[in-house]
Amino acid sequence: MIELIRADQYTKMLWKNGAGFTLEIARSQGDADFDWRISMADVTTSGPFSLFPNKQRIISVLDGKGLVLHVDDLPAKTLNQGDIFAFHGESQVQSELVDGAIRDLNLIYDPAKFHARFQWLNDAADQAFISSADLIFIFNQSGETQVSVKGDLFQLAAYETLKIEKNTSVTSINFSKKQRQSCYVIELIQR
């Protein structure tokens, strides 16, 4: 099954720590808690991250000058646009904005139930890949992007997401070279 999720369909929700808002793009169905969630957030002030015990987190900066993360006792990690960083959901994380507000993309998931792959494609060349993931999300960061999934064409506007649920053994995906794409591909594989 393939579903185009438009930006106006995202659910706005308060952060667990109450310090801001998240736009939830998609999440697993079921219990009050989730097995995985993909979201986008505008970070306007430096401060602590919410805790998500027993989860793994992956974050990337979509827009803005960057973010410095202080995770537990590890050395500070600077994230510029397109950089990707993974950490444990129960880690103590303090963020510092580099030069003004940023927008980020987040994946939070249960590593006991899922393996995840999170990558940024930012290239003018024609690209193709094959995936056997159970769920694939293509998040379009900017401009119009054309994506072909098993021969079916989809137009994604900025901040729209294509959700692909595996119904066969592999899924082939092609990005058109007509436009410069800047997309994130998130793959979730059930353990």
N, C-alpha and C. Protein backbone atom coordinates (compact mmCIF):
# COMPACT_ATOMS: atom_id res chain seq x y z
N MET A 1 0.84 -1.19 0.00
CA MET A 1 0.00 0.00 0.00
C MET A 1 0.88 1.25 0.00
N ILE A 2 0.51 2.22 -0.79
CA ILE A 2 1.26 3.48 -0.87
C ILE A 2 0.31 4.62 -0.53
N GLU A 3 0.76 5.50 0.37
CA GLU A 3 -0.07 6.63 0.80
C GLU A 3 0.75 7.91 0.77
N LEU A 4 0.17 8.94 0.15
CA LEU A 4 0.79 10.26 0.17
C LEU A 4 0.24 11.01 1.38
N ILE A 5 1.12 11.42 2.28
CA ILE A 5 0.71 12.16 3.47
C ILE A 5 1.09 13.62 3.25
N ARG A 6 0.09 14.47 3.16
CA ARG A 6 0.32 15.90 2.93
C ARG A 6 0.63 16.61 4.24
N ALA A 7 1.37 17.71 4.13
CA ALA A 7 1.81 18.44 5.32
C ALA A 7 0.64 18.90 6.18
N ASP A 8 -0.52 19.21 5.56
CA ASP A 8 -1.66 19.67 6.36
C ASP A 8 -2.36 18.51 7.10
N GLN A 9 -1.91 17.28 6.86
CA GLN A 9 -2.45 16.12 7.57
C GLN A 9 -1.64 15.79 8.83
N TYR A 10 -0.50 16.39 9.00
CA TYR A 10 0.32 16.10 10.17
C TYR A 10 -0.39 16.58 11.44
N THR A 11 -0.21 15.86 12.52
CA THR A 11 -0.87 16.16 13.78
C THR A 11 0.05 17.00 14.66
N LYS A 12 -0.43 18.18 15.07
CA LYS A 12 0.35 19.04 15.95
C LYS A 12 0.14 18.60 17.39
N MET A 13 1.25 18.39 18.11
CA MET A 13 1.14 17.95 19.50
C MET A 13 2.23 18.59 20.36
N LEU A 14 1.92 18.78 21.61
CA LEU A 14 2.84 19.36 22.57
C LEU A 14 3.96 18.37 22.89
N TRP A 15 5.19 18.85 23.00
CA TRP A 15 6.30 17.99 23.40
C TRP A 15 6.01 17.41 24.78
N LYS A 16 6.58 16.25 25.06
CA LYS A 16 6.42 15.63 26.38
C LYS A 16 6.88 16.57 27.49
N ASN A 17 7.94 17.35 27.24
CA ASN A 17 8.45 18.26 28.28
C ASN A 17 7.74 19.62 28.26
N GLY A 18 6.78 19.80 27.33
CA GLY A 18 5.99 21.01 27.29
C GLY A 18 6.68 22.24 26.71
N ALA A 19 7.91 22.09 26.20
CA ALA A 19 8.70 23.24 25.76
C ALA A 19 8.49 23.64 24.30
N GLY A 20 7.66 22.92 23.56
CA GLY A 20 7.44 23.23 22.17
C GLY A 20 6.42 22.29 21.55
N PHE A 21 6.33 22.33 20.21
CA PHE A 21 5.36 21.50 19.50
C PHE A 21 6.05 20.65 18.44
N THR A 22 5.46 19.48 18.21
CA THR A 22 5.89 18.55 17.18
C THR A 22 4.77 18.41 16.16
N LEU A 23 5.15 18.27 14.90
CA LEU A 23 4.19 17.87 13.88
C LEU A 23 4.43 16.39 13.61
N GLU A 24 3.51 15.58 14.07
CA GLU A 24 3.64 14.14 13.89
C GLU A 24 3.26 13.77 12.46
N ILE A 25 4.21 13.17 11.75
CA ILE A 25 4.01 12.79 10.36
C ILE A 25 3.31 11.45 10.28
N ALA A 26 3.80 10.48 11.04
CA ALA A 26 3.22 9.13 11.06
C ALA A 26 3.67 8.43 12.33
N ARG A 27 2.88 7.46 12.76
CA ARG A 27 3.24 6.66 13.93
C ARG A 27 2.58 5.30 13.83
N SER A 28 3.12 4.35 14.60
CA SER A 28 2.53 3.02 14.63
C SER A 28 1.15 3.10 15.28
N GLN A 29 0.29 2.23 14.88
CA GLN A 29 -1.07 2.17 15.44
C GLN A 29 -1.07 1.29 16.68
N GLY A 30 -2.06 1.49 17.52
CA GLY A 30 -2.21 0.60 18.66
C GLY A 30 -2.24 1.32 19.98
N ASP A 31 -1.40 0.83 20.89
CA ASP A 31 -1.41 1.31 22.27
C ASP A 31 -1.20 2.82 22.37
N ALA A 32 -1.37 3.33 23.60
CA ALA A 32 -1.13 4.76 23.87
C ALA A 32 0.32 5.11 23.54
N ASP A 33 1.23 4.21 23.85
CA ASP A 33 2.63 4.39 23.48
C ASP A 33 2.77 3.97 22.02
N PHE A 34 3.92 4.22 21.42
CA PHE A 34 4.11 3.85 20.03
C PHE A 34 5.36 2.99 19.89
N ASP A 35 5.38 2.19 18.82
CA ASP A 35 6.57 1.40 18.49
C ASP A 35 7.52 2.21 17.62
N TRP A 36 6.97 3.15 16.85
CA TRP A 36 7.77 4.07 16.05
C TRP A 36 6.95 5.34 15.77
N ARG A 37 7.68 6.44 15.60
CA ARG A 37 7.03 7.71 15.27
C ARG A 37 8.01 8.57 14.46
N ILE A 38 7.49 9.19 13.41
CA ILE A 38 8.27 10.14 12.60
C ILE A 38 7.62 11.51 12.79
N SER A 39 8.44 12.50 13.12
CA SER A 39 7.89 13.83 13.37
C SER A 39 8.86 14.91 12.94
N MET A 40 8.33 16.13 12.88
CA MET A 40 9.10 17.30 12.52
C MET A 40 8.83 18.34 13.60
N ALA A 41 9.87 19.08 14.01
CA ALA A 41 9.67 20.07 15.07
C ALA A 41 10.45 21.34 14.77
N ASP A 42 9.86 22.46 15.16
CA ASP A 42 10.55 23.74 15.12
C ASP A 42 11.13 23.98 16.51
N VAL A 43 12.44 24.13 16.58
CA VAL A 43 13.12 24.36 17.86
C VAL A 43 13.52 25.83 17.87
N THR A 44 12.91 26.59 18.78
CA THR A 44 13.13 28.03 18.80
C THR A 44 14.00 28.49 19.96
N THR A 45 14.22 27.60 20.93
CA THR A 45 15.07 27.94 22.08
C THR A 45 15.94 26.75 22.45
N SER A 46 17.08 27.02 23.02
CA SER A 46 17.94 25.96 23.53
C SER A 46 17.26 25.35 24.76
N GLY A 47 17.55 24.07 25.04
CA GLY A 47 16.96 23.45 26.21
C GLY A 47 17.02 21.94 26.15
N PRO A 48 16.37 21.29 27.13
CA PRO A 48 16.42 19.82 27.22
C PRO A 48 15.49 19.15 26.22
N PHE A 49 15.87 17.94 25.83
CA PHE A 49 15.01 17.10 25.00
C PHE A 49 14.11 16.27 25.91
N SER A 50 12.96 15.87 25.41
CA SER A 50 12.07 14.97 26.13
C SER A 50 12.71 13.59 26.21
N LEU A 51 12.36 12.85 27.26
CA LEU A 51 12.86 11.49 27.44
C LEU A 51 11.90 10.48 26.82
N PHE A 52 12.45 9.48 26.15
CA PHE A 52 11.68 8.38 25.59
C PHE A 52 12.36 7.07 25.99
N PRO A 53 12.12 6.60 27.23
CA PRO A 53 12.77 5.38 27.70
C PRO A 53 12.49 4.20 26.78
N ASN A 54 13.51 3.34 26.64
CA ASN A 54 13.44 2.11 25.84
C ASN A 54 13.22 2.37 24.35
N LYS A 55 13.55 3.57 23.92
CA LYS A 55 13.44 3.89 22.50
C LYS A 55 14.81 4.34 21.98
N GLN A 56 14.96 4.32 20.68
CA GLN A 56 16.13 4.85 19.99
C GLN A 56 15.65 6.08 19.24
N ARG A 57 16.51 7.12 19.16
CA ARG A 57 16.14 8.34 18.45
C ARG A 57 17.16 8.64 17.36
N ILE A 58 16.65 9.13 16.23
CA ILE A 58 17.51 9.61 15.16
C ILE A 58 16.97 10.99 14.77
N ILE A 59 17.87 11.95 14.65
CA ILE A 59 17.47 13.33 14.37
C ILE A 59 18.34 13.91 13.25
N SER A 60 17.74 14.83 12.48
CA SER A 60 18.49 15.55 11.45
C SER A 60 17.94 16.97 11.38
N VAL A 61 18.82 17.91 11.06
CA VAL A 61 18.41 19.32 10.91
C VAL A 61 17.93 19.55 9.48
N LEU A 62 16.67 19.97 9.34
CA LEU A 62 16.09 20.26 8.03
C LEU A 62 16.42 21.67 7.56
N ASP A 63 16.22 22.64 8.46
CA ASP A 63 16.41 24.05 8.14
C ASP A 63 17.07 24.73 9.32
N GLY A 64 17.81 25.79 9.04
CA GLY A 64 18.45 26.57 10.09
C GLY A 64 19.95 26.37 10.10
N LYS A 65 20.61 27.12 10.97
CA LYS A 65 22.08 27.13 11.02
C LYS A 65 22.68 25.95 11.76
N GLY A 66 21.90 25.27 12.56
CA GLY A 66 22.44 24.09 13.22
C GLY A 66 22.09 24.02 14.69
N LEU A 67 22.52 22.92 15.28
CA LEU A 67 22.17 22.58 16.65
C LEU A 67 23.35 21.84 17.26
N VAL A 68 23.68 22.16 18.51
CA VAL A 68 24.70 21.43 19.25
C VAL A 68 23.98 20.60 20.29
N LEU A 69 24.26 19.29 20.31
CA LEU A 69 23.64 18.40 21.28
C LEU A 69 24.67 17.95 22.31
N HIS A 70 24.28 18.02 23.57
CA HIS A 70 25.08 17.52 24.68
C HIS A 70 24.33 16.29 25.19
N VAL A 71 24.84 15.11 24.87
CA VAL A 71 24.16 13.85 25.18
C VAL A 71 24.93 13.14 26.28
N ASP A 72 24.28 12.98 27.44
CA ASP A 72 24.90 12.34 28.60
C ASP A 72 26.28 12.96 28.85
N ASP A 73 27.31 12.13 28.98
CA ASP A 73 28.66 12.63 29.22
C ASP A 73 29.53 12.59 27.97
N LEU A 74 28.91 12.44 26.81
CA LEU A 74 29.66 12.36 25.56
C LEU A 74 30.11 13.74 25.11
N PRO A 75 31.12 13.82 24.24
CA PRO A 75 31.51 15.13 23.69
C PRO A 75 30.34 15.75 22.93
N ALA A 76 30.27 17.07 22.92
CA ALA A 76 29.19 17.77 22.21
C ALA A 76 29.19 17.40 20.74
N LYS A 77 28.01 17.30 20.15
CA LYS A 77 27.85 16.94 18.75
C LYS A 77 27.14 18.08 18.02
N THR A 78 27.80 18.68 17.04
CA THR A 78 27.20 19.75 16.24
C THR A 78 26.51 19.14 15.02
N LEU A 79 25.25 19.49 14.82
CA LEU A 79 24.49 19.02 13.67
C LEU A 79 24.20 20.20 12.75
N ASN A 80 24.69 20.13 11.53
CA ASN A 80 24.37 21.11 10.51
C ASN A 80 23.27 20.53 9.63
N GLN A 81 22.75 21.31 8.71
CA GLN A 81 21.68 20.83 7.85
C GLN A 81 22.09 19.55 7.14
N GLY A 82 21.24 18.53 7.24
CA GLY A 82 21.48 17.25 6.60
C GLY A 82 22.23 16.25 7.45
N ASP A 83 22.89 16.70 8.52
CA ASP A 83 23.59 15.76 9.40
C ASP A 83 22.57 14.90 10.14
N ILE A 84 22.95 13.66 10.40
CA ILE A 84 22.07 12.70 11.07
C ILE A 84 22.79 12.19 12.31
N PHE A 85 22.05 12.09 13.41
CA PHE A 85 22.63 11.67 14.68
C PHE A 85 21.65 10.76 15.41
N ALA A 86 22.16 9.65 15.95
CA ALA A 86 21.34 8.70 16.70
C ALA A 86 21.77 8.67 18.16
N PHE A 87 20.79 8.50 19.05
CA PHE A 87 21.07 8.41 20.48
C PHE A 87 19.92 7.69 21.17
N HIS A 88 20.15 7.28 22.41
CA HIS A 88 19.13 6.56 23.18
C HIS A 88 18.06 7.53 23.68
N GLY A 89 16.83 7.08 23.69
CA GLY A 89 15.71 7.91 24.12
C GLY A 89 15.75 8.28 25.59
N GLU A 90 16.44 7.48 26.40
CA GLU A 90 16.52 7.80 27.83
C GLU A 90 17.74 8.66 28.16
N SER A 91 18.54 9.01 27.15
CA SER A 91 19.70 9.86 27.37
C SER A 91 19.27 11.25 27.82
N GLN A 92 20.10 11.86 28.66
CA GLN A 92 19.90 13.26 29.04
C GLN A 92 20.49 14.11 27.92
N VAL A 93 19.64 14.85 27.23
CA VAL A 93 20.08 15.63 26.06
C VAL A 93 19.74 17.10 26.28
N GLN A 94 20.75 17.93 26.15
CA GLN A 94 20.59 19.38 26.22
C GLN A 94 20.95 19.92 24.83
N SER A 95 20.09 20.76 24.28
CA SER A 95 20.37 21.32 22.95
C SER A 95 20.73 22.79 23.06
N GLU A 96 21.56 23.20 22.10
CA GLU A 96 22.01 24.59 22.00
C GLU A 96 21.87 25.01 20.55
N LEU A 97 21.08 26.04 20.28
CA LEU A 97 20.94 26.52 18.91
C LEU A 97 22.21 27.26 18.50
N VAL A 98 22.67 27.02 17.26
CA VAL A 98 23.90 27.65 16.77
C VAL A 98 23.67 29.12 16.47
N ASP A 99 22.62 29.41 15.68
CA ASP A 99 22.35 30.80 15.30
C ASP A 99 20.89 30.93 14.91
N GLY A 100 20.01 30.88 15.88
CA GLY A 100 18.58 31.00 15.63
C GLY A 100 17.87 29.66 15.53
N ALA A 101 16.58 29.73 15.30
CA ALA A 101 15.70 28.56 15.29
C ALA A 101 16.09 27.57 14.19
N ILE A 102 15.75 26.32 14.42
CA ILE A 102 15.95 25.26 13.42
C ILE A 102 14.66 24.46 13.30
N ARG A 103 14.56 23.71 12.23
CA ARG A 103 13.50 22.71 12.07
C ARG A 103 14.21 21.38 11.94
N ASP A 104 13.71 20.36 12.66
CA ASP A 104 14.36 19.05 12.59
C ASP A 104 13.37 17.96 12.20
N LEU A 105 13.92 16.83 11.79
CA LEU A 105 13.16 15.63 11.46
C LEU A 105 13.61 14.55 12.44
N ASN A 106 12.65 13.84 13.02
CA ASN A 106 12.94 12.86 14.07
C ASN A 106 12.32 11.51 13.77
N LEU A 107 13.05 10.47 14.09
CA LEU A 107 12.50 9.13 14.14
C LEU A 107 12.75 8.63 15.55
N ILE A 108 11.69 8.17 16.20
CA ILE A 108 11.80 7.54 17.52
C ILE A 108 11.19 6.15 17.37
N TYR A 109 11.94 5.11 17.78
CA TYR A 109 11.43 3.76 17.57
C TYR A 109 11.93 2.82 18.66
N ASP A 110 11.24 1.69 18.78
CA ASP A 110 11.60 0.66 19.75
C ASP A 110 12.59 -0.29 19.07
N PRO A 111 13.87 -0.28 19.50
CA PRO A 111 14.87 -1.13 18.84
C PRO A 111 14.68 -2.62 19.10
N ALA A 112 13.86 -2.97 20.09
CA ALA A 112 13.56 -4.39 20.33
C ALA A 112 12.58 -4.92 19.28
N LYS A 113 11.84 -4.02 18.64
CA LYS A 113 10.83 -4.43 17.66
C LYS A 113 11.20 -4.09 16.23
N PHE A 114 12.07 -3.07 16.04
CA PHE A 114 12.40 -2.61 14.70
C PHE A 114 13.88 -2.33 14.55
N HIS A 115 14.36 -2.54 13.35
CA HIS A 115 15.67 -2.06 12.92
C HIS A 115 15.34 -0.87 12.00
N ALA A 116 16.14 0.20 12.06
CA ALA A 116 15.84 1.37 11.25
C ALA A 116 17.04 1.80 10.43
N ARG A 117 16.74 2.39 9.29
CA ARG A 117 17.75 3.03 8.44
C ARG A 117 17.22 4.41 8.09
N PHE A 118 18.07 5.44 8.26
CA PHE A 118 17.65 6.83 8.11
C PHE A 118 18.73 7.49 7.26
N GLN A 119 18.38 7.96 6.07
CA GLN A 119 19.39 8.56 5.19
C GLN A 119 18.85 9.79 4.48
N TRP A 120 19.78 10.66 4.09
CA TRP A 120 19.44 11.90 3.39
C TRP A 120 19.97 11.80 1.98
N LEU A 121 19.08 12.00 1.00
CA LEU A 121 19.47 12.02 -0.41
C LEU A 121 19.40 13.46 -0.88
N ASN A 122 20.54 14.02 -1.26
CA ASN A 122 20.59 15.41 -1.70
C ASN A 122 21.49 15.47 -2.92
N ASP A 123 20.92 15.16 -4.08
CA ASP A 123 21.73 15.01 -5.28
C ASP A 123 20.89 15.33 -6.50
N ALA A 124 21.51 15.89 -7.52
CA ALA A 124 20.81 16.20 -8.76
C ALA A 124 20.76 14.99 -9.71
N ALA A 125 21.52 13.96 -9.41
CA ALA A 125 21.57 12.80 -10.29
C ALA A 125 20.35 11.91 -10.10
N ASP A 126 20.04 11.15 -11.13
CA ASP A 126 18.98 10.15 -11.05
C ASP A 126 19.41 9.11 -10.04
N GLN A 127 18.53 8.77 -9.11
CA GLN A 127 18.87 7.79 -8.09
C GLN A 127 17.82 6.70 -8.04
N ALA A 128 18.26 5.51 -7.72
CA ALA A 128 17.34 4.38 -7.57
C ALA A 128 17.85 3.51 -6.43
N PHE A 129 16.92 2.86 -5.75
CA PHE A 129 17.32 1.88 -4.76
C PHE A 129 16.22 0.84 -4.59
N ILE A 130 16.60 -0.27 -4.03
CA ILE A 130 15.68 -1.37 -3.76
C ILE A 130 15.69 -1.61 -2.26
N SER A 131 14.51 -1.81 -1.69
CA SER A 131 14.41 -2.02 -0.26
C SER A 131 13.50 -3.21 0.03
N SER A 132 13.84 -3.95 1.07
CA SER A 132 12.97 -5.02 1.54
C SER A 132 12.39 -4.66 2.91
N ALA A 133 12.44 -3.37 3.28
CA ALA A 133 11.91 -2.92 4.57
C ALA A 133 10.40 -3.11 4.62
N ASP A 134 9.87 -3.28 5.82
CA ASP A 134 8.43 -3.42 6.00
C ASP A 134 7.71 -2.10 5.76
N LEU A 135 8.35 -1.00 6.16
CA LEU A 135 7.80 0.34 5.96
C LEU A 135 8.90 1.23 5.41
N ILE A 136 8.55 2.03 4.42
CA ILE A 136 9.49 3.01 3.84
C ILE A 136 8.78 4.35 3.83
N PHE A 137 9.47 5.37 4.31
CA PHE A 137 8.93 6.73 4.27
C PHE A 137 9.90 7.59 3.48
N ILE A 138 9.36 8.33 2.52
CA ILE A 138 10.17 9.29 1.76
C ILE A 138 9.64 10.67 2.13
N PHE A 139 10.45 11.44 2.84
CA PHE A 139 10.08 12.78 3.27
C PHE A 139 10.77 13.77 2.35
N ASN A 140 9.99 14.59 1.64
CA ASN A 140 10.54 15.56 0.70
C ASN A 140 10.84 16.87 1.43
N GLN A 141 12.10 17.23 1.47
CA GLN A 141 12.51 18.41 2.23
C GLN A 141 12.18 19.72 1.53
N SER A 142 12.30 19.78 0.21
CA SER A 142 12.08 21.06 -0.46
C SER A 142 11.73 20.87 -1.92
N GLY A 143 10.96 21.80 -2.47
CA GLY A 143 10.62 21.78 -3.89
C GLY A 143 9.79 20.57 -4.28
N GLU A 144 9.40 20.53 -5.54
CA GLU A 144 8.66 19.39 -6.08
C GLU A 144 9.63 18.26 -6.39
N THR A 145 9.28 17.06 -5.99
CA THR A 145 10.11 15.89 -6.29
C THR A 145 9.21 14.80 -6.84
N GLN A 146 9.68 14.18 -7.91
CA GLN A 146 8.95 13.08 -8.52
C GLN A 146 9.60 11.77 -8.10
N VAL A 147 8.77 10.85 -7.60
CA VAL A 147 9.25 9.56 -7.14
C VAL A 147 8.46 8.48 -7.87
N SER A 148 9.17 7.47 -8.34
CA SER A 148 8.53 6.33 -8.97
C SER A 148 8.70 5.12 -8.05
N VAL A 149 7.56 4.51 -7.70
CA VAL A 149 7.59 3.31 -6.86
C VAL A 149 6.96 2.19 -7.67
N LYS A 150 7.77 1.22 -8.03
CA LYS A 150 7.34 0.09 -8.85
C LYS A 150 6.62 0.56 -10.11
N GLY A 151 7.11 1.67 -10.68
CA GLY A 151 6.56 2.18 -11.93
C GLY A 151 5.44 3.20 -11.78
N ASP A 152 4.87 3.35 -10.59
CA ASP A 152 3.83 4.36 -10.36
C ASP A 152 4.49 5.67 -9.94
N LEU A 153 4.06 6.78 -10.58
CA LEU A 153 4.67 8.09 -10.30
C LEU A 153 3.90 8.86 -9.23
N PHE A 154 4.67 9.53 -8.35
CA PHE A 154 4.10 10.36 -7.30
C PHE A 154 4.84 11.69 -7.28
N GLN A 155 4.08 12.79 -7.17
CA GLN A 155 4.65 14.13 -7.02
C GLN A 155 4.58 14.51 -5.56
N LEU A 156 5.70 14.85 -4.96
CA LEU A 156 5.74 15.26 -3.57
C LEU A 156 6.11 16.74 -3.50
N ALA A 157 5.26 17.53 -2.86
CA ALA A 157 5.58 18.94 -2.61
C ALA A 157 6.47 19.00 -1.37
N ALA A 158 6.98 20.18 -1.07
CA ALA A 158 7.84 20.36 0.10
C ALA A 158 7.13 19.88 1.36
N TYR A 159 7.84 19.13 2.18
CA TYR A 159 7.39 18.60 3.48
C TYR A 159 6.31 17.54 3.37
N GLU A 160 6.05 17.02 2.19
CA GLU A 160 5.12 15.89 2.07
C GLU A 160 5.89 14.58 2.21
N THR A 161 5.16 13.54 2.58
CA THR A 161 5.76 12.24 2.85
C THR A 161 5.02 11.15 2.09
N LEU A 162 5.78 10.25 1.51
CA LEU A 162 5.22 9.08 0.86
C LEU A 162 5.46 7.88 1.79
N LYS A 163 4.39 7.22 2.17
CA LYS A 163 4.48 6.03 3.04
C LYS A 163 4.25 4.80 2.18
N ILE A 164 5.20 3.86 2.23
CA ILE A 164 5.13 2.65 1.42
C ILE A 164 5.16 1.46 2.37
N GLU A 165 4.08 0.69 2.35
CA GLU A 165 4.03 -0.54 3.14
C GLU A 165 4.33 -1.70 2.22
N LYS A 166 5.27 -2.52 2.63
CA LYS A 166 5.70 -3.64 1.79
C LYS A 166 4.57 -4.65 1.65
N ASN A 167 4.29 -5.01 0.42
CA ASN A 167 3.33 -6.08 0.18
C ASN A 167 3.94 -7.16 -0.72
N THR A 168 5.20 -6.98 -1.07
CA THR A 168 5.96 -7.99 -1.81
C THR A 168 7.34 -8.05 -1.19
N SER A 169 8.21 -8.86 -1.73
CA SER A 169 9.53 -9.07 -1.12
C SER A 169 10.45 -7.85 -1.24
N VAL A 170 10.39 -7.11 -2.35
CA VAL A 170 11.24 -5.93 -2.49
C VAL A 170 10.45 -4.79 -3.14
N THR A 171 10.88 -3.58 -2.88
CA THR A 171 10.27 -2.39 -3.46
C THR A 171 11.35 -1.62 -4.18
N SER A 172 11.10 -1.28 -5.45
CA SER A 172 12.06 -0.47 -6.20
C SER A 172 11.57 0.97 -6.25
N ILE A 173 12.49 1.91 -5.96
CA ILE A 173 12.15 3.33 -5.89
C ILE A 173 13.15 4.10 -6.75
N ASN A 174 12.63 5.01 -7.56
CA ASN A 174 13.47 5.85 -8.42
C ASN A 174 13.12 7.31 -8.20
N PHE A 175 14.15 8.15 -8.13
CA PHE A 175 13.98 9.59 -8.03
C PHE A 175 14.34 10.18 -9.39
N SER A 176 13.48 11.05 -9.89
CA SER A 176 13.70 11.67 -11.20
C SER A 176 14.87 12.64 -11.14
N LYS A 177 15.64 12.70 -12.24
CA LYS A 177 16.74 13.66 -12.29
C LYS A 177 16.27 15.01 -12.83
N LYS A 178 14.96 15.15 -13.09
CA LYS A 178 14.42 16.41 -13.62
C LYS A 178 14.55 17.55 -12.63
N GLN A 179 14.42 17.23 -11.34
CA GLN A 179 14.55 18.26 -10.31
C GLN A 179 15.62 17.80 -9.32
N ARG A 180 16.24 18.77 -8.70
CA ARG A 180 17.17 18.45 -7.62
C ARG A 180 16.34 18.03 -6.42
N GLN A 181 16.55 16.83 -5.94
CA GLN A 181 15.79 16.39 -4.79
C GLN A 181 16.59 16.51 -3.51
N SER A 182 15.87 16.70 -2.47
CA SER A 182 16.44 16.71 -1.13
C SER A 182 15.44 15.96 -0.27
N CYS A 183 15.64 14.67 -0.17
CA CYS A 183 14.69 13.79 0.50
C CYS A 183 15.37 12.97 1.58
N TYR A 184 14.59 12.63 2.57
CA TYR A 184 15.01 11.65 3.57
C TYR A 184 14.29 10.36 3.29
N VAL A 185 15.00 9.26 3.41
CA VAL A 185 14.41 7.94 3.27
C VAL A 185 14.58 7.24 4.62
N ILE A 186 13.45 6.85 5.19
CA ILE A 186 13.44 6.15 6.47
C ILE A 186 12.88 4.77 6.23
N GLU A 187 13.64 3.75 6.60
CA GLU A 187 13.20 2.37 6.44
C GLU A 187 13.07 1.73 7.82
N LEU A 188 11.96 1.01 8.03
CA LEU A 188 11.73 0.28 9.27
C LEU A 188 11.53 -1.19 8.94
N ILE A 189 12.31 -2.03 9.62
CA ILE A 189 12.26 -3.48 9.39
C ILE A 189 11.89 -4.14 10.71
N GLN A 190 10.80 -4.91 10.71
CA GLN A 190 10.39 -5.60 11.93
C GLN A 190 11.39 -6.68 12.29
N ARG A 191 11.67 -6.78 13.58
CA ARG A 191 12.60 -7.81 14.06
C ARG A 191 11.85 -9.11 14.25
